[in-house]
C-alpha atoms as a PDB file:
ATOM      1  CA  MET A   1     109.286  12.965  24.273  1.00  0.00           C
ATOM      2  CA  ALA A   2     106.254  15.861  24.581  1.00  0.00           C
ATOM      3  CA  THR A   3     105.383  15.049  27.840  1.00  0.00           C
ATOM      4  CA  GLN A   4     109.728  15.289  28.563  1.00  0.00           C
ATOM      5  CA  THR A   5     109.301  18.491  26.862  1.00  0.00           C
ATOM      6  CA  ARG A   6     106.388  19.398  29.204  1.00  0.00           C
ATOM      7  CA  ALA A   7     108.366  18.423  32.262  1.00  0.00           C
ATOM      8  CA  LYS A   8     111.510  20.258  31.857  1.00  0.00           C
ATOM      9  CA  SER A   9     109.711  23.981  30.863  1.00  0.00           C
ATOM     10  CA  ARG A  10     107.818  23.797  33.529  1.00  0.00           C
ATOM     11  CA  GLU A  11     110.745  23.081  36.335  1.00  0.00           C
ATOM     12  CA  ARG A  12     112.531  26.240  33.880  1.00  0.00           C
ATOM     13  CA  GLN A  13     109.499  27.880  35.090  1.00  0.00           C
ATOM     14  CA  ASN A  14     109.834  26.682  39.130  1.00  0.00           C
ATOM     15  CA  THR A  15     113.054  27.636  38.565  1.00  0.00           C
ATOM     16  CA  THR A  16     112.405  30.820  38.005  1.00  0.00           C
ATOM     17  CA  ASN A  17     110.028  31.698  40.498  1.00  0.00           C
ATOM     18  CA  LYS A  18     111.887  30.516  43.767  1.00  0.00           C
ATOM     19  CA  GLU A  19     114.825  33.074  42.294  1.00  0.00           C
ATOM     20  CA  GLU A  20     112.276  35.910  42.047  1.00  0.00           C
ATOM     21  CA  ASN A  21     110.596  34.491  45.034  1.00  0.00           C
ATOM     22  CA  GLU A  22     114.177  34.456  47.019  1.00  0.00           C
ATOM     23  CA  ARG A  23     115.306  38.312  45.333  1.00  0.00           C
ATOM     24  CA  THR A  24     115.248  41.264  47.905  1.00  0.00           C
ATOM     25  CA  CYS A  25     115.826  44.993  46.967  1.00  0.00           C
ATOM     26  CA  GLY A  26     118.822  46.367  47.683  1.00  0.00           C
ATOM     27  CA  LYS A  27     117.472  49.692  49.424  1.00  0.00           C
ATOM     28  CA  CYS A  28     114.866  48.712  51.064  1.00  0.00           C
ATOM     29  CA  ASP A  29     115.238  44.415  51.733  1.00  0.00           C
ATOM     30  CA  GLY A  30     112.267  44.249  50.822  1.00  0.00           C
ATOM     31  CA  GLY A  31     110.593  41.444  48.256  1.00  0.00           C
ATOM     32  CA  PHE A  32     109.097  41.690  44.474  1.00  0.00           C
ATOM     33  CA  ASP A  33     106.027  40.845  43.224  1.00  0.00           C
ATOM     34  CA  LYS A  34     104.995  38.967  39.655  1.00  0.00           C
ATOM     35  CA  GLU A  35     104.087  42.322  39.361  1.00  0.00           C
ATOM     36  CA  ASP A  36     107.011  44.911  40.657  1.00  0.00           C
ATOM     37  CA  LYS A  37     109.019  45.963  38.329  1.00  0.00           C
ATOM     38  CA  ALA A  38     112.992  45.906  39.610  1.00  0.00           C
ATOM     39  CA  VAL A  39     116.482  46.450  37.447  1.00  0.00           C
ATOM     40  CA  LEU A  40     119.785  44.657  37.493  1.00  0.00           C
ATOM     41  CA  CYS A  41     123.064  45.816  38.834  1.00  0.00           C
ATOM     42  CA  ASP A  42     125.491  44.562  36.386  1.00  0.00           C
ATOM     43  CA  ILE A  43     128.324  45.653  39.250  1.00  0.00           C
ATOM     44  CA  CYS A  44     127.098  44.353  42.898  1.00  0.00           C
ATOM     45  CA  GLY A  45     124.199  42.304  41.255  1.00  0.00           C
ATOM     46  CA  PHE A  46     121.451  42.816  43.872  1.00  0.00           C
ATOM     47  CA  TRP A  47     117.428  44.051  42.310  1.00  0.00           C
ATOM     48  CA  TYR A  48     116.557  47.416  42.743  1.00  0.00           C
ATOM     49  CA  HIS A  49     112.631  48.266  43.631  1.00  0.00           C
ATOM     50  CA  LEU A  50     112.271  50.934  40.389  1.00  0.00           C
ATOM     51  CA  THR A  51     110.728  53.717  42.993  1.00  0.00           C
ATOM     52  CA  CYS A  52     113.892  52.634  45.409  1.00  0.00           C
ATOM     53  CA  ALA A  53     116.445  53.088  42.151  1.00  0.00           C
ATOM     54  CA  ASN A  54     114.721  56.399  41.037  1.00  0.00           C
ATOM     55  CA  VAL A  55     114.067  55.174  37.586  1.00  0.00           C
ATOM     56  CA  ASP A  56     110.720  56.386  35.343  1.00  0.00           C
ATOM     57  CA  TRP A  57     109.185  53.815  33.028  1.00  0.00           C
ATOM     58  CA  ASP A  58     111.162  55.101  30.287  1.00  0.00           C
ATOM     59  CA  LEU A  59     114.747  54.588  31.516  1.00  0.00           C
ATOM     60  CA  TYR A  60     113.198  51.969  32.937  1.00  0.00           C
ATOM     61  CA  SER A  61     111.847  49.871  29.080  1.00  0.00           C
ATOM     62  CA  ALA A  62     115.279  51.444  27.494  1.00  0.00           C
ATOM     63  CA  ILE A  63     117.397  49.128  30.019  1.00  0.00           C
ATOM     64  CA  GLN A  64     114.757  46.007  29.389  1.00  0.00           C
ATOM     65  CA  ARG A  65     115.515  47.152  25.751  1.00  0.00           C
ATOM     66  CA  PHE A  66     118.912  47.206  25.086  1.00  0.00           C
ATOM     67  CA  GLY A  67     120.583  46.387  28.954  1.00  0.00           C
ATOM     68  CA  HIS A  68     121.005  43.024  31.000  1.00  0.00           C
ATOM     69  CA  ASN A  69     117.569  41.335  29.216  1.00  0.00           C
ATOM     70  CA  GLY A  70     118.215  42.693  26.054  1.00  0.00           C
ATOM     71  CA  SER A  71     121.422  43.325  23.963  1.00  0.00           C
ATOM     72  CA  GLY A  72     123.332  43.882  26.354  1.00  0.00           C
ATOM     73  CA  ASP A  73     124.195  47.362  25.848  1.00  0.00           C
ATOM     74  CA  LEU A  74     122.831  49.953  28.651  1.00  0.00           C
ATOM     75  CA  PRO A  75     124.280  48.696  31.467  1.00  0.00           C
ATOM     76  CA  TRP A  76     122.941  50.590  35.451  1.00  0.00           C
ATOM     77  CA  ARG A  77     124.179  50.975  37.646  1.00  0.00           C
ATOM     78  CA  CYS A  78     122.888  51.409  41.462  1.00  0.00           C
ATOM     79  CA  ARG A  79     123.488  54.627  42.932  1.00  0.00           C
ATOM     80  CA  VAL A  80     126.416  52.528  44.837  1.00  0.00           C
ATOM     81  CA  CYS A  81     128.614  50.880  42.394  1.00  0.00           C
ATOM     82  CA  GLN A  82     128.386  54.046  40.071  1.00  0.00           C
ATOM     83  CA  THR A  83     130.079  56.621  42.625  1.00  0.00           C
ATOM     84  CA  PHE A  84     132.095  53.475  43.254  1.00  0.00           C
ATOM     85  CA  ALA A  85     133.108  52.968  39.333  1.00  0.00           C
ATOM     86  CA  ALA A  86     134.258  55.738  39.247  1.00  0.00           C
ATOM     87  CA  GLN A  87     136.593  55.487  41.546  1.00  0.00           C
ATOM     88  CA  MET A  88     137.685  52.189  40.498  1.00  0.00           C
ATOM     89  CA  PHE A  89     138.589  53.550  36.877  1.00  0.00           C
ATOM     90  CA  SER A  90     140.632  56.041  38.337  1.00  0.00           C
ATOM     91  CA  GLU A  91     142.579  53.643  40.131  1.00  0.00           C
ATOM     92  CA  MET A  92     142.479  51.295  37.526  1.00  0.00           C
ATOM     93  CA  MET A  93     144.296  54.309  34.971  1.00  0.00           C
ATOM     94  CA  ASN A  94     146.814  54.583  38.286  1.00  0.00           C
ATOM     95  CA  ILE A  95     147.862  50.862  37.947  1.00  0.00           C
ATOM     96  CA  LYS A  96     147.757  50.893  34.438  1.00  0.00           C
ATOM     97  CA  GLN A  97     149.845  53.824  34.113  1.00  0.00           C
ATOM     98  CA  ASN A  98     151.858  51.961  37.169  1.00  0.00           C
ATOM     99  CA  GLN A  99     151.916  49.706  34.702  1.00  0.00           C
ATOM    100  CA  MET A 100     154.186  51.044  32.067  1.00  0.00           C
ATOM    101  CA  LYS A 101     156.487  52.845  34.323  1.00  0.00           C
ATOM    102  CA  ILE A 102     157.299  48.912  35.405  1.00  0.00           C
ATOM    103  CA  GLU A 103     157.818  47.428  32.144  1.00  0.00           C
ATOM    104  CA  LYS A 104     160.168  50.322  31.326  1.00  0.00           C
ATOM    105  CA  SER A 105     161.583  50.002  34.455  1.00  0.00           C
ATOM    106  CA  MET A 106     162.039  46.146  32.735  1.00  0.00           C
ATOM    107  CA  ASN A 107     163.060  47.540  29.633  1.00  0.00           C
ATOM    108  CA  GLU A 108     165.801  48.968  31.399  1.00  0.00           C
ATOM    109  CA  ILE A 109     166.845  46.312  33.907  1.00  0.00           C
ATOM    110  CA  LYS A 110     167.367  43.796  31.514  1.00  0.00           C
ATOM    111  CA  GLU A 111     168.693  45.688  28.407  1.00  0.00           C
ATOM    112  CA  LYS A 112     171.474  46.336  31.592  1.00  0.00           C
ATOM    113  CA  VAL A 113     171.808  43.001  31.543  1.00  0.00           C
ATOM    114  CA  ASN A 114     172.608  42.631  27.728  1.00  0.00           C
ATOM    115  CA  ASN A 115     175.193  45.177  28.383  1.00  0.00           C
ATOM    116  CA  ASN A 116     176.784  43.671  31.682  1.00  0.00           C
ATOM    117  CA  GLU A 117     176.522  40.049  29.126  1.00  0.00           C
ATOM    118  CA  ARG A 118     177.662  41.839  26.439  1.00  0.00           C
ATOM    119  CA  ASP A 119     181.233  43.572  29.333  1.00  0.00           C
ATOM    120  CA  ILE A 120     182.164  40.225  30.362  1.00  0.00           C
ATOM    121  CA  ARG A 121     182.508  38.419  27.007  1.00  0.00           C
ATOM    122  CA  GLU A 122     185.055  41.572  25.935  1.00  0.00           C
ATOM    123  CA  ILE A 123     186.322  40.666  29.116  1.00  0.00           C
ATOM    124  CA  ARG A 124     186.564  36.793  28.761  1.00  0.00           C
ATOM    125  CA  MET A 125     188.106  38.064  24.608  1.00  0.00           C
ATOM    126  CA  GLU A 126     190.711  40.919  25.946  1.00  0.00           C
ATOM    127  CA  ARG A 127     191.474  37.873  28.093  1.00  0.00           C
ATOM    128  CA  GLN A 128     191.851  35.467  25.636  1.00  0.00           C
ATOM    129  CA  GLY A 129     193.565  37.494  23.021  1.00  0.00           C
ATOM    130  CA  ASN A 130     196.292  39.277  25.542  1.00  0.00           C
ATOM    131  CA  ARG A 131     197.258  36.527  27.835  1.00  0.00           C
ATOM    132  CA  GLU A 132     200.633  37.515  28.457  1.00  0.00           C
ATOM    133  CA  GLU A 133     199.211  41.536  30.426  1.00  0.00           C
ATOM    134  CA  MET A 134     196.309  39.294  31.669  1.00  0.00           C
ATOM    135  CA  GLU A 135     198.647  37.153  33.847  1.00  0.00           C
ATOM    136  CA  THR A 136     199.851  40.162  34.952  1.00  0.00           C
ATOM    137  CA  ILE A 137     196.718  41.064  36.831  1.00  0.00           C
ATOM    138  CA  THR A 138     196.825  39.245  40.236  1.00  0.00           C
ATOM    139  CA  GLN A 139     194.744  36.673  40.874  1.00  0.00           C
ATOM    140  CA  GLY A 140     192.266  38.434  44.265  1.00  0.00           C
ATOM    141  CA  ALA A 141     192.036  41.089  41.683  1.00  0.00           C
ATOM    142  CA  ALA A 142     190.175  38.991  38.289  1.00  0.00           C
ATOM    143  CA  ALA A 143     188.445  37.928  41.992  1.00  0.00           C
ATOM    144  CA  GLU A 144     187.017  40.921  42.460  1.00  0.00           C
ATOM    145  CA  ILE A 145     186.046  41.731  39.128  1.00  0.00           C
ATOM    146  CA  GLN A 146     183.961  38.708  38.802  1.00  0.00           C
ATOM    147  CA  ASP A 147     182.942  39.382  41.835  1.00  0.00           C
ATOM    148  CA  LYS A 148     181.347  42.671  41.562  1.00  0.00           C
ATOM    149  CA  PHE A 149     179.722  41.088  37.902  1.00  0.00           C
ATOM    150  CA  ILE A 150     178.051  38.138  39.373  1.00  0.00           C
ATOM    151  CA  GLN A 151     176.586  40.346  43.109  1.00  0.00           C
ATOM    152  CA  GLU A 152     175.565  43.514  39.969  1.00  0.00           C
ATOM    153  CA  ILE A 153     173.251  40.692  37.793  1.00  0.00           C
ATOM    154  CA  ARG A 154     171.802  39.144  40.757  1.00  0.00           C
ATOM    155  CA  GLU A 155     171.298  42.738  41.867  1.00  0.00           C
ATOM    156  CA  ILE A 156     169.670  42.642  38.690  1.00  0.00           C
ATOM    157  CA  LYS A 157     167.827  39.094  39.308  1.00  0.00           C
ATOM    158  CA  ASP A 158     165.785  39.949  42.142  1.00  0.00           C
ATOM    159  CA  ARG A 159     164.779  43.567  41.049  1.00  0.00           C
ATOM    160  CA  ILE A 160     162.851  41.424  37.953  1.00  0.00           C
ATOM    161  CA  ASP A 161     162.175  39.178  40.176  1.00  0.00           C
ATOM    162  CA  SER A 162     159.839  40.984  42.128  1.00  0.00           C
ATOM    163  CA  ILE A 163     158.316  42.274  39.784  1.00  0.00           C
ATOM    164  CA  GLU A 164     156.937  40.236  38.482  1.00  0.00           C
ATOM    165  CA  THR A 165     156.183  39.068  42.101  1.00  0.00           C
ATOM    166  CA  GLN A 166     153.231  42.454  42.026  1.00  0.00           C
ATOM    167  CA  PRO A 167     149.259  41.353  42.707  1.00  0.00           C
ATOM    168  CA  ALA A 168     147.949  39.689  39.654  1.00  0.00           C
ATOM    169  CA  VAL A 169     144.941  41.569  37.892  1.00  0.00           C
ATOM    170  CA  GLY A 170     142.604  39.205  39.209  1.00  0.00           C
ATOM    171  CA  LYS A 171     144.004  39.176  43.073  1.00  0.00           C
ATOM    172  CA  ILE A 172     142.987  43.939  42.608  1.00  0.00           C
ATOM    173  CA  SER A 173     139.652  42.355  40.959  1.00  0.00           C
ATOM    174  CA  GLU A 174     138.541  39.996  44.366  1.00  0.00           C
ATOM    175  CA  ASP A 175     139.699  43.309  46.570  1.00  0.00           C
ATOM    176  CA  ILE A 176     137.538  45.463  43.684  1.00  0.00           C
ATOM    177  CA  GLN A 177     134.659  43.554  43.884  1.00  0.00           C
ATOM    178  CA  LYS A 178     135.162  42.972  48.660  1.00  0.00           C
ATOM    179  CA  GLU A 179     135.135  46.773  48.847  1.00  0.00           C
ATOM    180  CA  ILE A 180     131.852  47.312  46.705  1.00  0.00           C
ATOM    181  CA  ASN A 181     129.571  44.711  48.588  1.00  0.00           C
ATOM    182  CA  GLU A 182     131.137  46.198  51.713  1.00  0.00           C
ATOM    183  CA  ALA A 183     130.648  49.833  50.335  1.00  0.00           C
ATOM    184  CA  VAL A 184     126.889  48.761  48.960  1.00  0.00           C
ATOM    185  CA  GLN A 185     126.210  46.999  53.278  1.00  0.00           C
ATOM    186  CA  ARG A 186     127.306  49.534  54.954  1.00  0.00           C
ATOM    187  CA  GLU A 187     125.091  52.227  52.118  1.00  0.00           C
ATOM    188  CA  LYS A 188     122.421  50.169  53.010  1.00  0.00           C
ATOM    189  CA  ARG A 189     122.475  50.487  56.626  1.00  0.00           C
ATOM    190  CA  LYS A 190     123.348  53.908  57.051  1.00  0.00           C
ATOM    191  CA  ASN A 191     120.204  54.205  58.218  1.00  0.00           C
ATOM    192  CA  ARG A 192     119.464  51.646  60.637  1.00  0.00           C
ATOM    193  CA  ILE A 193     119.798  50.092  64.349  1.00  0.00           C
ATOM    194  CA  VAL A 194     119.962  47.592  65.936  1.00  0.00           C
ATOM    195  CA  ILE A 195     117.974  47.879  69.494  1.00  0.00           C
ATOM    196  CA  ASN A 196     118.093  44.247  72.237  1.00  0.00           C
ATOM    197  CA  GLY A 197     116.053  43.359  75.093  1.00  0.00           C
ATOM    198  CA  LEU A 198     113.413  45.853  73.840  1.00  0.00           C
ATOM    199  CA  THR A 199     111.070  42.281  72.304  1.00  0.00           C
ATOM    200  CA  SER A 200     110.625  38.086  73.689  1.00  0.00           C
ATOM    201  CA  ALA A 201     110.946  35.205  71.217  1.00  0.00           C
ATOM    202  CA  GLU A 202     106.718  35.578  71.961  1.00  0.00           C
ATOM    203  CA  ASP A 203     105.273  38.854  70.335  1.00  0.00           C
ATOM    204  CA  THR A 204     104.033  38.784  67.263  1.00  0.00           C
ATOM    205  CA  TYR A 205     104.953  41.387  64.720  1.00  0.00           C
ATOM    206  CA  GLU A 206     102.598  43.605  65.781  1.00  0.00           C
ATOM    207  CA  GLU A 207     104.310  43.943  69.009  1.00  0.00           C
ATOM    208  CA  VAL A 208     107.219  44.744  67.857  1.00  0.00           C
ATOM    209  CA  TRP A 209     105.995  47.778  66.405  1.00  0.00           C
ATOM    210  CA  GLY A 210     104.335  48.995  68.868  1.00  0.00           C
ATOM    211  CA  LYS A 211     106.909  48.321  71.617  1.00  0.00           C
ATOM    212  CA  VAL A 212     109.731  49.847  69.367  1.00  0.00           C
ATOM    213  CA  GLU A 213     107.442  52.807  69.080  1.00  0.00           C
ATOM    214  CA  GLN A 214     106.860  53.030  72.352  1.00  0.00           C
ATOM    215  CA  LEU A 215     111.098  53.041  72.882  1.00  0.00           C
ATOM    216  CA  LEU A 216     110.830  55.700  70.436  1.00  0.00           C
ATOM    217  CA  GLN A 217     108.727  58.459  71.376  1.00  0.00           C
ATOM    218  CA  LYS A 218     110.590  58.346  75.099  1.00  0.00           C
ATOM    219  CA  PHE A 219     113.638  59.833  72.746  1.00  0.00           C
ATOM    220  CA  THR A 220     110.905  62.468  71.095  1.00  0.00           C
ATOM    221  CA  ILE A 221     110.733  60.462  68.052  1.00  0.00           C
ATOM    222  CA  PRO A 222     108.053  59.770  66.139  1.00  0.00           C
ATOM    223  CA  PRO A 223     106.545  56.708  64.406  1.00  0.00           C
ATOM    224  CA  SER A 224     106.213  59.077  61.218  1.00  0.00           C
ATOM    225  CA  ASP A 225     109.597  58.892  61.480  1.00  0.00           C
ATOM    226  CA  ILE A 226     110.015  54.971  61.344  1.00  0.00           C
ATOM    227  CA  VAL A 227     110.694  53.508  57.451  1.00  0.00           C
ATOM    228  CA  GLN A 228     111.186  49.624  59.152  1.00  0.00           C
ATOM    229  CA  VAL A 229     111.066  47.497  61.530  1.00  0.00           C
ATOM    230  CA  ALA A 230     112.308  43.990  61.401  1.00  0.00           C
ATOM    231  CA  ARG A 231     113.498  40.743  63.221  1.00  0.00           C
ATOM    232  CA  LEU A 232     117.357  39.670  63.544  1.00  0.00           C
ATOM    233  CA  ASN A 233     117.739  35.762  63.309  1.00  0.00           C
ATOM    234  CA  ASP A 234     118.186  36.238  66.873  1.00  0.00           C
ATOM    235  CA  ARG A 235     114.838  36.474  67.901  1.00  0.00           C
ATOM    236  CA  ARG A 236     116.146  39.108  70.622  1.00  0.00           C
ATOM    237  CA  TYR A 237     117.643  41.769  68.561  1.00  0.00           C
ATOM    238  CA  VAL A 238     115.053  44.187  66.248  1.00  0.00           C
ATOM    239  CA  SER A 239     116.745  46.522  63.277  1.00  0.00           C
ATOM    240  CA  VAL A 240     115.025  49.619  63.240  1.00  0.00           C
ATOM    241  CA  GLU A 241     114.828  51.808  59.441  1.00  0.00           C
ATOM    242  CA  LEU A 242     114.829  55.481  60.308  1.00  0.00           C
ATOM    243  CA  HIS A 243     114.064  57.923  57.573  1.00  0.00           C
ATOM    244  CA  ARG A 244     117.261  59.897  58.345  1.00  0.00           C
ATOM    245  CA  ASN A 245     120.542  60.084  59.648  1.00  0.00           C
ATOM    246  CA  GLU A 246     120.253  62.802  61.787  1.00  0.00           C
ATOM    247  CA  THR A 247     117.790  61.179  63.189  1.00  0.00           C
ATOM    248  CA  LYS A 248     119.909  57.530  64.283  1.00  0.00           C
ATOM    249  CA  ALA A 249     122.772  60.020  65.544  1.00  0.00           C
ATOM    250  CA  LYS A 250     119.960  61.616  68.209  1.00  0.00           C
ATOM    251  CA  LEU A 251     118.935  57.951  69.413  1.00  0.00           C
ATOM    252  CA  LEU A 252     122.793  56.603  69.384  1.00  0.00           C
ATOM    253  CA  LYS A 253     124.275  59.509  71.167  1.00  0.00           C
ATOM    254  CA  ARG A 254     120.813  59.828  74.120  1.00  0.00           C
ATOM    255  CA  SER A 255     120.765  56.447  74.155  1.00  0.00           C
ATOM    256  CA  LYS A 256     122.955  55.817  76.923  1.00  0.00           C
ATOM    257  CA  GLU A 257     118.862  57.455  78.827  1.00  0.00           C
ATOM    258  CA  LEU A 258     117.735  54.709  79.884  1.00  0.00           C
ATOM    259  CA  LYS A 259     119.901  53.372  82.045  1.00  0.00           C
ATOM    260  CA  GLU A 260     118.088  55.971  84.248  1.00  0.00           C
ATOM    261  CA  THR A 261     115.521  54.782  83.769  1.00  0.00           C
ATOM    262  CA  THR A 262     113.348  51.472  84.529  1.00  0.00           C
ATOM    263  CA  GLN A 263     110.958  50.543  82.026  1.00  0.00           C
ATOM    264  CA  TYR A 264     114.249  49.763  79.432  1.00  0.00           C
ATOM    265  CA  THR A 265     117.455  48.519  82.340  1.00  0.00           C
ATOM    266  CA  ASN A 266     117.874  46.352  79.718  1.00  0.00           C
ATOM    267  CA  VAL A 267     117.889  47.684  76.966  1.00  0.00           C
ATOM    268  CA  TYR A 268     120.821  48.651  74.297  1.00  0.00           C
ATOM    269  CA  ILE A 269     120.699  50.482  71.601  1.00  0.00           C
ATOM    270  CA  ARG A 270     123.542  50.452  68.893  1.00  0.00           C
ATOM    271  CA  ALA A 271     124.105  51.269  64.831  1.00  0.00           C
ATOM    272  CA  ASP A 272     123.872  48.201  63.058  1.00  0.00           C
ATOM    273  CA  LEU A 273     127.420  47.420  61.198  1.00  0.00           C
ATOM    274  CA  THR A 274     129.531  45.174  59.005  1.00  0.00           C
ATOM    275  CA  TYR A 275     131.612  42.515  60.199  1.00  0.00           C
ATOM    276  CA  THR A 276     134.460  44.972  59.318  1.00  0.00           C
ATOM    277  CA  GLN A 277     132.975  47.930  61.153  1.00  0.00           C
ATOM    278  CA  ARG A 278     132.619  45.940  64.021  1.00  0.00           C
ATOM    279  CA  MET A 279     136.556  44.943  63.861  1.00  0.00           C
ATOM    280  CA  GLU A 280     137.726  47.598  63.177  1.00  0.00           C
ATOM    281  CA  GLY A 281     135.781  49.750  66.001  1.00  0.00           C
ATOM    282  CA  LYS A 282     137.122  46.628  68.621  1.00  0.00           C
ATOM    283  CA  GLN A 283     140.823  47.346  66.928  1.00  0.00           C
ATOM    284  CA  LEU A 284     140.009  51.259  67.663  1.00  0.00           C
ATOM    285  CA  ARG A 285     138.605  50.290  71.167  1.00  0.00           C
ATOM    286  CA  GLU A 286     141.976  47.737  72.390  1.00  0.00           C
ATOM    287  CA  GLU A 287     143.931  50.770  71.223  1.00  0.00           C
ATOM    288  CA  MET A 288     142.341  52.761  73.243  1.00  0.00           C
ATOM    289  CA  ARG A 289     142.799  50.434  76.266  1.00  0.00           C
ATOM    290  CA  LYS A 290     146.009  50.751  76.032  1.00  0.00           C
ATOM    291  CA  ARG A 291     146.797  54.504  75.548  1.00  0.00           C
ATOM    292  CA  LEU A 292     144.694  55.113  78.575  1.00  0.00           C
ATOM    293  CA  ASN A 293     146.245  51.847  80.681  1.00  0.00           C
ATOM    294  CA  SER A 294     149.352  53.572  80.119  1.00  0.00           C
ATOM    295  CA  GLY A 295     148.269  56.360  81.434  1.00  0.00           C
ATOM    296  CA  GLU A 296     146.870  59.127  78.405  1.00  0.00           C
ATOM    297  CA  THR A 297     143.299  60.814  79.608  1.00  0.00           C
ATOM    298  CA  ASN A 298     140.893  62.171  77.406  1.00  0.00           C
ATOM    299  CA  LEU A 299     140.982  59.604  74.792  1.00  0.00           C
ATOM    300  CA  LYS A 300     137.731  58.978  72.782  1.00  0.00           C
ATOM    301  CA  ILE A 301     135.967  57.082  69.753  1.00  0.00           C
ATOM    302  CA  ILE A 302     135.020  59.500  66.928  1.00  0.00           C
ATOM    303  CA  ARG A 303     133.187  58.751  63.526  1.00  0.00           C
ATOM    304  CA  GLY A 304     135.817  55.903  62.972  1.00  0.00           C
ATOM    305  CA  LYS A 305     139.262  57.671  65.157  1.00  0.00           C
ATOM    306  CA  LEU A 306     140.503  57.452  68.075  1.00  0.00           C
ATOM    307  CA  VAL A 307     141.567  61.483  68.923  1.00  0.00           C
ATOM    308  CA  LYS A 308     142.577  63.118  72.274  1.00  0.00           C
ATOM    309  CA  VAL A 309     139.500  65.770  73.261  1.00  0.00           C
ATOM    310  CA  LEU A 310     139.869  68.797  75.628  1.00  0.00           C
ATOM    311  CA  ASP A 311     137.851  68.873  78.885  1.00  0.00           C
ATOM    312  CA  ARG A 312     134.125  70.360  79.043  1.00  0.00           C
ATOM    313  CA  PRO A 313     133.049  71.784  81.414  1.00  0.00           C
ATOM    314  CA  ARG A 314     129.616  70.754  82.961  1.00  0.00           C
ATOM    315  CA  SER A 315     126.354  72.178  82.362  1.00  0.00           C
ATOM    316  CA  PRO A 316     123.814  73.624  84.977  1.00  0.00           C
ATOM    317  CA  ARG A 317     121.493  70.845  83.233  1.00  0.00           C
ATOM    318  CA  ASP A 318     124.474  68.290  84.571  1.00  0.00           C
ATOM    319  CA  THR A 319     124.693  70.187  87.466  1.00  0.00           C
ATOM    320  CA  SER A 320     121.124  70.602  88.368  1.00  0.00           C
ATOM    321  CA  THR A 321     120.567  66.618  87.007  1.00  0.00           C
ATOM    322  CA  GLN A 322     123.209  65.194  89.259  1.00  0.00           C
ATOM    323  CA  GLN A 323     122.831  67.932  92.811  1.00  0.00           C
ATOM    324  CA  SER A 324     118.461  66.568  91.667  1.00  0.00           C
ATOM    325  CA  GLY A 325     118.857  62.493  91.912  1.00  0.00           C
ATOM    326  CA  GLN A 326     116.069  62.265  89.392  1.00  0.00           C
ATOM    327  CA  PRO A 327     117.148  61.753  85.594  1.00  0.00           C
ATOM    328  CA  HIS A 328     114.705  62.623  82.925  1.00  0.00           C
ATOM    329  CA  PHE A 329     114.281  62.092  79.199  1.00  0.00           C
ATOM    330  CA  ARG A 330     114.605  65.635  77.252  1.00  0.00           C
ATOM    331  CA  GLY A 331     111.849  66.268  75.968  1.00  0.00           C
ATOM    332  CA  GLU A 332     109.324  65.677  79.664  1.00  0.00           C
ATOM    333  CA  THR A 333     109.461  67.555  83.143  1.00  0.00           C
ATOM    334  CA  ALA A 334     112.156  66.554  85.227  1.00  0.00           C
END
């Protein structure tokens, strides 16, 4: 019996260690060592290093005592989920108000149905009590009255059915969770780029990092601006995280200059996008292609929207580059 108890204890410990080894930080994607301290977001379920989450030791101690590891009275949320939770609270309040309006509308409809049923009963009673008078009503008029009430009741029933088929709270919660996950992924990727064609599958990690530094120096971006370099599942692709979003924007804007070089002709740089962002971009490109084929001009995708831009005159630098026929990087001598 004691042997079985010790075996189960070791199994639970191995499972816990495996889960800790598989955790990654929701901010930096880094792993956790045994001595690392981390906090768990109650909404998205990601773990965060204390430094990545800007959590000091006093707050961490309070979370350990009263948070998810303690009594559960002190929830902690990451910055993305905290902002998103405020928005969701506002939306849930709107949903609650709409639900109250729907319930009020249903009560009014039910009352109207009851009134119509009472009117029908009164008509029937009147017909029974005054047959001689009712016999003077033509068959067509009586049928018209009956059809009118039947049609009205059917319309009311259709309205009730449409109200009862409103999205369930579970479906709303599922959509909210998807939006939260999408917001977390976009926050993680906002300073990242993906480079294709720069490295080979045989390159070591140090060689990959060196090639990335050499490429970015072409754009006058120092190595100190690089936070992290990682290979993706397809080893032809390299993910690079930068310190600032401005540096990423500058790099993407000038990435076409690589085509003007001999060394980096087959190297491509793009933003690190989620699946949803890639699908949204694909739809925008298809729409732009259709509008261009229909004769529109000067269309451009800017910040996730398709807009019409004005022609700008060529700058003196563009004119001099075209005349010389020798492309060069900014910051280098032409």
